[in-house]
Structure formats: C-alpha cells, structure tokens
Amino acid sequence: MKLRTLSAPDLHEALRAQEELAADGFDFLLGYDPDAGWDRFLEDVEGIRQGRHLPEGYVPATFLVAEDGGELVGRVSIRHHLNPHLRSVGGHIGYAVRPRFRRRGYARQILELALVEAARLGIGQVMLTCDAGNLASKATIERCGGIQETSRPGDPVAEGTLRYWIDIPAQR
C-alpha cells in the first residue's frame, strides 16, 4: 500500500469511494463539487496543499489517497497546522478506509504513512480526534502511539469526541 496524490484517472474510483463513505456520513472527497468538475477539484486540492486561495476556516493540508493493487482503499488529509477549530475537533490528520477494505490493517498503514508525511512537513506532534464509539479508530490511533488527552474544564470538544496526541520521532 502507498499514499499518493489524486490524479485525473482516479475520477471514477474516487467517486465510488465518495458514494460508499457517504452512507457512513463521511465525505471522502472533502467538498468535491461535480458541477465544478474533476480537474477543478484537483486544482483546488493542490491549492490547499500550497496554502493558496484557502476557503475561510481552512489551513494548508495535504490530501492523499491510499492505493493498494491499483485500488483506492482509503484516504488521508494532513493539516499542516491547527487553527482554533481543528485544535478542538479534527486535529492534524483525518483518514478513512472504504467499507469493503476495513478490518485488513489499512487504517493503521494509512496512519503510519501519514505520520511519516507529517514529519516530512516538519510537524513534530500531531493531534487526532475520533468519536468515542468508533472503537476501530480509537484502537488504530492508540496502536500508532496516540495518547488520549484528558478533558479540560470548559473544553469545547463535542460530547463523545476523543482527542489524541502522537509524538513523531525524528527518525520515522
């Protein structure tokens, strides 16, 4: 499995992934607008990575898909820094695995490779969040070194959301 950028030939497979994860209430393509078109979406993804023309509330972020054997098994978004909202809910890294590829270790591989990419971006410590009821994501984050943050008085974290921190060793 490898992480890579989206490209023009990924359109149909990415749209299938978008449809599959929409059933879980998850946006695989992070705001893809079919009316604007695929080429425009790819330009926007690159612009966000470079920090150009960011929509309000966005930070620079690297969007990568996880590919194994020519199939898109998941995706990851690595935010280059946190704004107040992301510091509360969202964090540096958000990932997803398509339903038919779950329970095969892809989530852990995606997160491990995302940590390598985060280190390459100069991020020494990443924050991730997950729903308390998402036991698979909770286990994945913890297996990758995630330490759960204790809640603070007046903490705006949504009810049922867990917040984790992972220190990224320089040699990763």
Protein backbone atom coordinates (compact mmCIF):
# COMPACT_ATOMS: atom_id res chain seq x y z
CA MET A 1 0.00 0.00 0.00
CA LYS A 2 1.16 3.53 -0.72
CA LEU A 3 -0.10 7.07 -0.27
CA ARG A 4 -0.17 9.29 -3.33
CA THR A 5 -1.86 12.36 -4.75
CA LEU A 6 -5.09 12.09 -6.71
CA SER A 7 -4.88 12.26 -10.48
CA ALA A 8 -7.22 12.55 -13.45
CA PRO A 9 -7.60 8.76 -13.96
CA ASP A 10 -8.84 8.39 -10.34
CA LEU A 11 -12.19 10.06 -11.04
CA HIS A 12 -14.47 7.02 -11.22
CA GLU A 13 -12.83 5.08 -8.38
CA ALA A 14 -12.81 8.19 -6.17
CA LEU A 15 -16.49 8.83 -6.86
CA ARG A 16 -17.28 5.24 -5.89
CA ALA A 17 -15.37 5.75 -2.65
CA GLN A 18 -17.26 9.01 -2.08
CA GLU A 19 -20.59 7.20 -2.54
CA GLU A 20 -19.61 4.29 -0.27
CA LEU A 21 -18.48 6.52 2.58
CA ALA A 22 -21.42 8.91 2.22
CA ALA A 23 -23.53 6.10 3.64
CA ASP A 24 -21.46 6.50 6.84
CA GLY A 25 -21.90 10.28 6.77
CA PHE A 26 -18.27 10.73 5.69
CA ASP A 27 -17.01 13.00 2.89
CA PHE A 28 -14.25 11.06 1.10
CA LEU A 29 -13.51 13.87 -1.35
CA LEU A 30 -13.77 16.78 1.08
CA GLY A 31 -16.16 19.07 -0.71
CA TYR A 32 -15.96 17.79 -4.27
CA ASP A 33 -18.47 19.67 -6.45
CA PRO A 34 -19.49 17.67 -9.54
CA ASP A 35 -20.71 20.88 -11.19
CA ALA A 36 -17.21 22.40 -10.98
CA GLY A 37 -15.62 19.24 -12.38
CA TRP A 38 -12.81 16.87 -11.53
CA ASP A 39 -9.97 18.98 -12.97
CA ARG A 40 -11.07 21.94 -10.86
CA PHE A 41 -11.21 19.72 -7.76
CA LEU A 42 -7.65 18.50 -8.39
CA GLU A 43 -6.51 22.14 -8.78
CA ASP A 44 -8.26 23.06 -5.52
CA VAL A 45 -6.63 20.14 -3.65
CA GLU A 46 -3.21 21.32 -4.87
CA GLY A 47 -4.04 24.92 -3.98
CA ILE A 48 -4.99 23.88 -0.44
CA ARG A 49 -1.73 21.93 -0.12
CA GLN A 50 0.19 25.04 -1.14
CA GLY A 51 -1.94 27.32 1.05
CA ARG A 52 -3.32 29.25 -1.93
CA HIS A 53 -6.88 30.61 -2.03
CA LEU A 54 -7.90 28.81 1.15
CA PRO A 55 -11.61 28.83 1.93
CA GLU A 56 -12.45 30.51 5.23
CA GLY A 57 -11.55 28.31 8.19
CA TYR A 58 -9.16 26.12 6.16
CA VAL A 59 -5.44 25.63 6.75
CA PRO A 60 -2.92 24.24 4.27
CA ALA A 61 -3.44 20.48 4.02
CA THR A 62 -2.07 17.56 2.05
CA PHE A 63 -4.74 15.23 0.65
CA LEU A 64 -3.54 11.76 -0.31
CA VAL A 65 -5.25 8.56 -1.36
CA ALA A 66 -4.20 5.11 -0.19
CA GLU A 67 -3.74 2.73 -3.08
CA ASP A 68 -3.18 -1.00 -2.95
CA GLY A 69 -3.04 -3.17 -6.04
CA GLY A 70 -4.43 -0.36 -8.19
CA GLU A 71 -7.49 0.19 -5.96
CA LEU A 72 -8.20 3.21 -3.77
CA VAL A 73 -8.65 1.70 -0.32
CA GLY A 74 -8.85 4.97 1.62
CA ARG A 75 -7.60 8.50 2.02
CA VAL A 76 -5.91 10.84 4.45
CA SER A 77 -5.80 14.59 4.94
CA ILE A 78 -2.84 16.03 6.82
CA ARG A 79 -3.36 19.59 8.05
CA HIS A 80 -0.06 21.45 8.21
CA HIS A 81 -1.03 23.33 11.38
CA LEU A 82 -4.06 23.77 13.60
CA ASN A 83 -6.49 26.64 13.82
CA PRO A 84 -8.76 27.02 16.88
CA HIS A 85 -11.45 24.75 15.42
CA LEU A 86 -9.02 21.99 14.43
CA ARG A 87 -7.33 22.26 17.83
CA SER A 88 -10.71 21.44 19.37
CA VAL A 89 -12.11 18.89 16.91
CA GLY A 90 -10.42 17.49 13.84
CA GLY A 91 -6.71 17.70 14.52
CA HIS A 92 -3.86 17.35 12.09
CA ILE A 93 -4.83 14.05 10.49
CA GLY A 94 -8.14 12.72 9.25
CA TYR A 95 -8.34 9.39 7.45
CA ALA A 96 -10.89 6.95 6.13
CA VAL A 97 -10.96 3.41 4.80
CA ARG A 98 -13.61 2.33 2.32
CA PRO A 99 -16.07 -0.12 3.94
CA ARG A 100 -15.12 -3.12 1.81
CA PHE A 101 -11.45 -2.73 2.77
CA ARG A 102 -11.95 -2.45 6.52
CA ARG A 103 -10.54 -4.97 9.01
CA ARG A 104 -7.48 -5.59 6.86
CA GLY A 105 -5.00 -3.26 8.59
CA TYR A 106 -5.30 -0.42 6.09
CA ALA A 107 -6.24 2.21 8.68
CA ARG A 108 -3.04 1.54 10.61
CA GLN A 109 -0.94 1.61 7.44
CA ILE A 110 -2.57 4.86 6.33
CA LEU A 111 -1.96 6.48 9.71
CA GLU A 112 1.64 5.24 9.91
CA LEU A 113 2.41 6.61 6.43
CA ALA A 114 0.60 9.85 7.28
CA LEU A 115 2.88 10.26 10.31
CA VAL A 116 5.90 9.92 8.01
CA GLU A 117 4.42 12.61 5.75
CA ALA A 118 3.66 14.84 8.75
CA ALA A 119 7.29 14.53 9.88
CA ARG A 120 8.40 15.44 6.36
CA LEU A 121 6.21 18.55 6.65
CA GLY A 122 8.00 19.47 9.88
CA ILE A 123 5.19 18.54 12.25
CA GLY A 124 6.67 17.04 15.42
CA GLN A 125 3.46 16.25 17.25
CA VAL A 126 0.06 15.55 15.70
CA MET A 127 -3.41 15.66 17.13
CA LEU A 128 -6.20 13.31 16.00
CA THR A 129 -9.79 13.02 17.11
CA CYS A 130 -12.34 10.26 16.82
CA ASP A 131 -15.82 9.52 18.07
CA ALA A 132 -15.72 7.67 21.38
CA GLY A 133 -17.93 4.98 19.85
CA ASN A 134 -15.56 4.37 16.93
CA LEU A 135 -13.62 1.57 18.59
CA ALA A 136 -11.69 0.66 15.44
CA SER A 137 -10.36 4.20 15.00
CA LYS A 138 -9.63 4.50 18.71
CA ALA A 139 -7.59 1.26 18.59
CA THR A 140 -5.76 2.34 15.43
CA ILE A 141 -4.72 5.67 16.94
CA GLU A 142 -3.60 4.02 20.16
CA ARG A 143 -1.60 1.33 18.27
CA CYS A 144 0.20 4.14 16.44
CA GLY A 145 1.24 5.79 19.71
CA GLY A 146 -1.76 8.02 20.39
CA ILE A 147 -2.06 9.25 23.96
CA GLN A 148 -5.56 10.35 24.89
CA GLU A 149 -5.76 13.91 26.17
CA THR A 150 -7.70 14.38 29.36
CA SER A 151 -10.62 16.75 29.11
CA ARG A 152 -10.24 20.25 30.44
CA PRO A 153 -12.83 22.36 32.25
CA GLY A 154 -14.83 24.31 29.70
CA ASP A 155 -13.35 22.24 26.86
CA PRO A 156 -15.34 22.81 23.66
CA VAL A 157 -14.75 19.27 22.36
CA ALA A 158 -18.01 17.82 21.18
CA GLU A 159 -19.64 15.34 23.51
CA GLY A 160 -18.40 11.87 22.66
CA THR A 161 -15.24 13.01 20.87
CA LEU A 162 -11.83 11.76 21.97
CA ARG A 163 -8.65 13.75 21.38
CA TYR A 164 -5.23 12.09 20.96
CA TRP A 165 -1.64 13.29 20.54
CA ILE A 166 1.16 11.39 18.83
CA ASP A 167 4.80 12.47 19.10
CA ILE A 168 6.62 11.82 15.85
CA PRO A 169 10.20 10.64 16.36
CA ALA A 170 12.68 12.38 14.07
CA GLN A 171 13.85 9.05 12.59
CA ARG A 172 10.36 7.94 11.42
